[in-house]
Amino acid sequence: ATAGMWTIEIKGYNIPSGPQKYALAVSGGTLSTPLQPSVTGFKSPTANAPVTTNSGDNNGFEGNPANAYASDNVFAVDNNSGNGTSTTYTSTQKDRHVFQGFAFGVPASATIKGIEVRLEAKVDNTNGAPKMYVELSADGGATWTAAKVTPTLSKTKTAYVLGSGSDLWGGAWSSTNLGSLQLRITDVASNTSRDFSLDSVTAQVTYQ
């Protein structure tokens, strides 16, 4: 074999019951275990701001938005969300709020593998199919990723995880732009009487 690093992949194609053990012997070289991805753990934001133009009532989570920094059953609240019945998250009728200041601590040389966002939320009533849409920005809010959406929210606090350790949300990420990551939540329902409550919003990065 040509000198250098080689990757050996072992697949089982006919194993009616398992797991099936196997052995690998190497002559004239050394074996090493591939590096496993690292995970930052879910980090809380340290700053927030409502979107105050073309965003429903233009006040986002007007009730104590900093309550969404910690999972403690004390909620940030968006009362009577929005000013129209559109169910499209890009509609100007929908309330929006931005969270930022996530201290991920990813090494400068790391390759970003995926981003997960965790929302702990509830709603006063399921009429109108209330949902939360989440977008990410790597450039201070100039551009946003396509949104990911929760199922219809429950009347009891429920945790919703969007994205995964192998999902980059269609963006190009580095340790540098992760430091300025912004997370935008849009509250969407076909009923403007809905009250959205957010106990916590956190984000986690997988890197290698």
Protein backbone atom coordinates (compact mmCIF):
# COMPACT_ATOMS: atom_id res chain seq x y z
CA ALA A 1 0.00 0.00 0.00
CA THR A 2 1.07 3.58 -0.60
CA ALA A 3 2.56 5.19 2.51
CA GLY A 4 0.12 7.41 4.40
CA MET A 5 -3.04 7.24 6.47
CA TRP A 6 -5.70 4.73 5.46
CA THR A 7 -9.23 4.33 6.76
CA ILE A 8 -10.60 0.80 7.12
CA GLU A 9 -14.38 0.38 7.18
CA ILE A 10 -15.93 -2.91 8.25
CA LYS A 11 -19.54 -3.71 7.37
CA GLY A 12 -21.60 -6.78 8.14
CA TYR A 13 -24.02 -7.78 5.37
CA ASN A 14 -25.36 -11.13 6.56
CA ILE A 15 -25.65 -11.16 10.35
CA PRO A 16 -29.05 -12.58 11.37
CA SER A 17 -28.24 -11.96 15.04
CA GLY A 18 -25.57 -9.86 16.64
CA PRO A 19 -23.52 -8.05 17.52
CA GLN A 20 -20.85 -9.94 15.57
CA LYS A 21 -17.29 -9.61 16.85
CA TYR A 22 -14.39 -9.24 14.43
CA ALA A 23 -10.60 -8.92 14.59
CA LEU A 24 -8.16 -6.92 12.50
CA ALA A 25 -4.41 -7.60 12.23
CA VAL A 26 -1.96 -5.15 10.69
CA SER A 27 1.64 -5.74 9.64
CA GLY A 28 4.05 -2.89 9.05
CA GLY A 29 1.81 -0.13 10.37
CA THR A 30 -0.10 1.12 13.39
CA LEU A 31 -3.81 1.31 14.19
CA SER A 32 -5.42 4.38 15.73
CA THR A 33 -9.00 5.08 16.72
CA PRO A 34 -10.56 7.95 14.74
CA LEU A 35 -11.17 11.10 16.74
CA GLN A 36 -14.69 11.27 18.05
CA PRO A 37 -16.65 14.52 17.70
CA SER A 38 -16.80 16.81 20.72
CA VAL A 39 -19.96 18.49 22.00
CA THR A 40 -20.16 21.84 23.78
CA GLY A 41 -23.27 21.00 25.76
CA PHE A 42 -26.32 23.23 25.57
CA LYS A 43 -25.41 26.88 26.18
CA SER A 44 -27.74 29.72 27.16
CA PRO A 45 -27.83 33.16 25.56
CA THR A 46 -26.68 36.26 27.41
CA ALA A 47 -28.47 38.90 25.34
CA ASN A 48 -31.78 39.33 23.53
CA ALA A 49 -33.86 41.84 21.62
CA PRO A 50 -37.29 41.89 20.00
CA VAL A 51 -37.52 42.48 16.26
CA THR A 52 -39.28 45.84 16.12
CA THR A 53 -40.04 46.23 12.42
CA ASN A 54 -42.33 44.20 10.17
CA SER A 55 -42.85 41.64 12.93
CA GLY A 56 -46.43 41.53 14.14
CA ASP A 57 -46.80 43.61 17.29
CA ASN A 58 -43.08 44.47 17.00
CA ASN A 59 -42.40 43.52 20.61
CA GLY A 60 -41.36 39.85 20.49
CA PHE A 61 -41.46 38.22 23.93
CA GLU A 62 -42.54 41.42 25.65
CA GLY A 63 -42.89 39.71 29.03
CA ASN A 64 -39.46 39.27 30.70
CA PRO A 65 -37.49 37.82 27.73
CA ALA A 66 -34.42 37.19 29.90
CA ASN A 67 -36.45 34.51 31.68
CA ALA A 68 -35.61 32.32 28.68
CA TYR A 69 -31.95 32.14 29.75
CA ALA A 70 -32.53 29.34 32.29
CA SER A 71 -34.76 26.29 32.61
CA ASP A 72 -36.51 27.16 35.86
CA ASN A 73 -40.25 27.28 35.05
CA VAL A 74 -40.11 31.08 34.94
CA PHE A 75 -41.20 32.09 31.44
CA ALA A 76 -40.63 34.75 28.83
CA VAL A 77 -44.07 35.47 27.38
CA ASP A 78 -45.36 36.70 24.02
CA ASN A 79 -48.92 37.75 24.76
CA ASN A 80 -51.55 37.83 21.99
CA SER A 81 -48.93 36.99 19.41
CA GLY A 82 -48.84 38.86 16.14
CA ASN A 83 -51.42 40.98 14.35
CA GLY A 84 -52.72 38.60 11.68
CA THR A 85 -53.74 35.01 11.01
CA SER A 86 -51.06 34.06 8.46
CA THR A 87 -49.38 30.74 9.19
CA THR A 88 -46.22 31.56 7.21
CA TYR A 89 -43.19 32.30 9.38
CA THR A 90 -41.91 34.88 6.90
CA SER A 91 -45.11 36.94 7.23
CA THR A 92 -44.76 40.46 8.63
CA GLN A 93 -47.75 39.64 10.89
CA LYS A 94 -45.65 37.39 13.15
CA ASP A 95 -43.81 38.34 16.37
CA ARG A 96 -40.04 37.69 16.39
CA HIS A 97 -37.31 37.75 19.00
CA VAL A 98 -33.53 37.38 18.71
CA PHE A 99 -31.27 35.66 21.26
CA GLN A 100 -27.47 35.79 21.15
CA GLY A 101 -24.29 35.63 23.24
CA PHE A 102 -23.86 31.85 23.34
CA ALA A 103 -20.41 31.07 24.80
CA PHE A 104 -19.62 27.82 22.97
CA GLY A 105 -15.84 27.82 23.51
CA VAL A 106 -15.09 25.93 20.30
CA PRO A 107 -11.34 25.72 19.45
CA ALA A 108 -10.20 27.95 16.59
CA SER A 109 -9.03 24.98 14.49
CA ALA A 110 -12.22 22.96 14.92
CA THR A 111 -14.46 21.80 12.09
CA ILE A 112 -18.12 22.41 12.91
CA LYS A 113 -20.27 19.31 12.39
CA GLY A 114 -23.73 20.37 13.54
CA ILE A 115 -25.88 22.68 15.64
CA GLU A 116 -28.85 21.80 17.85
CA VAL A 117 -31.35 24.23 19.35
CA ARG A 118 -33.44 23.26 22.36
CA LEU A 119 -36.63 25.12 23.27
CA GLU A 120 -38.64 24.54 26.43
CA ALA A 121 -42.00 26.09 25.69
CA LYS A 122 -45.75 25.96 26.08
CA VAL A 123 -48.85 27.79 24.88
CA ASP A 124 -52.12 28.81 26.51
CA ASN A 125 -54.26 26.95 23.97
CA THR A 126 -53.59 24.75 20.95
CA ASN A 127 -56.29 26.42 18.85
CA GLY A 128 -54.64 27.92 15.81
CA ALA A 129 -51.83 25.32 15.74
CA PRO A 130 -49.24 27.50 17.52
CA LYS A 131 -45.62 26.70 16.63
CA MET A 132 -42.18 28.23 17.03
CA TYR A 133 -39.88 28.66 14.06
CA VAL A 134 -36.12 29.01 14.58
CA GLU A 135 -33.54 30.57 12.22
CA LEU A 136 -29.81 31.09 12.71
CA SER A 137 -27.55 33.90 11.52
CA ALA A 138 -23.76 33.88 11.23
CA ASP A 139 -23.43 37.52 10.15
CA GLY A 140 -25.18 39.63 12.74
CA GLY A 141 -28.65 39.18 11.31
CA ALA A 142 -27.87 40.25 7.74
CA THR A 143 -28.90 36.80 6.47
CA TRP A 144 -30.72 33.88 8.06
CA THR A 145 -30.86 30.14 7.51
CA ALA A 146 -34.07 28.45 6.48
CA ALA A 147 -36.24 27.92 9.53
CA LYS A 148 -36.81 24.74 11.49
CA VAL A 149 -40.15 24.37 13.23
CA THR A 150 -41.53 22.69 16.34
CA PRO A 151 -44.65 20.56 16.28
CA THR A 152 -47.81 22.26 17.52
CA LEU A 153 -46.94 23.43 21.02
CA SER A 154 -48.45 21.80 24.08
CA LYS A 155 -50.28 23.48 26.95
CA THR A 156 -47.71 21.94 29.30
CA LYS A 157 -44.02 22.76 29.09
CA THR A 158 -42.31 20.51 26.57
CA ALA A 159 -38.74 20.35 25.26
CA TYR A 160 -38.26 20.56 21.49
CA VAL A 161 -34.86 19.89 19.87
CA LEU A 162 -34.29 21.22 16.35
CA GLY A 163 -31.27 20.27 14.25
CA SER A 164 -28.71 17.62 15.13
CA GLY A 165 -25.02 16.96 15.62
CA SER A 166 -24.66 16.53 11.86
CA ASP A 167 -26.95 19.37 10.71
CA LEU A 168 -25.37 22.71 9.73
CA TRP A 169 -28.75 24.35 8.95
CA GLY A 170 -27.48 25.11 5.45
CA GLY A 171 -24.85 27.49 6.80
CA ALA A 172 -21.05 27.65 6.80
CA TRP A 173 -19.80 27.75 10.38
CA SER A 174 -16.47 28.33 12.10
CA SER A 175 -15.39 29.06 15.65
CA THR A 176 -15.30 32.74 14.65
CA ASN A 177 -18.83 33.21 13.38
CA LEU A 178 -20.22 30.92 16.09
CA GLY A 179 -19.12 33.63 18.51
CA SER A 180 -21.62 36.01 16.92
CA LEU A 181 -24.38 33.47 16.28
CA GLN A 182 -27.88 34.91 16.49
CA LEU A 183 -30.97 32.77 16.99
CA ARG A 184 -34.34 34.16 15.91
CA ILE A 185 -37.63 32.72 17.13
CA THR A 186 -40.85 33.48 15.26
CA ASP A 187 -44.17 32.68 16.95
CA VAL A 188 -46.76 31.47 14.44
CA ALA A 189 -50.45 30.67 14.90
CA SER A 190 -53.63 31.28 12.93
CA ASN A 191 -55.14 32.82 16.07
CA THR A 192 -53.78 36.13 17.37
CA SER A 193 -55.04 35.39 20.90
CA ARG A 194 -52.31 32.83 21.51
CA ASP A 195 -49.88 33.41 24.39
CA PHE A 196 -46.48 31.79 23.77
CA SER A 197 -44.36 31.00 26.85
CA LEU A 198 -40.64 30.22 26.61
CA ASP A 199 -38.86 28.78 29.65
CA SER A 200 -35.47 28.37 27.99
CA VAL A 201 -33.67 28.55 24.66
CA THR A 202 -30.25 26.88 24.40
CA ALA A 203 -27.92 25.81 21.61
CA GLN A 204 -25.30 23.08 21.32
CA VAL A 205 -22.47 22.64 18.81
CA THR A 206 -20.83 19.39 17.70
CA TYR A 207 -17.30 19.82 16.34
CA GLN A 208 -14.12 17.90 15.53
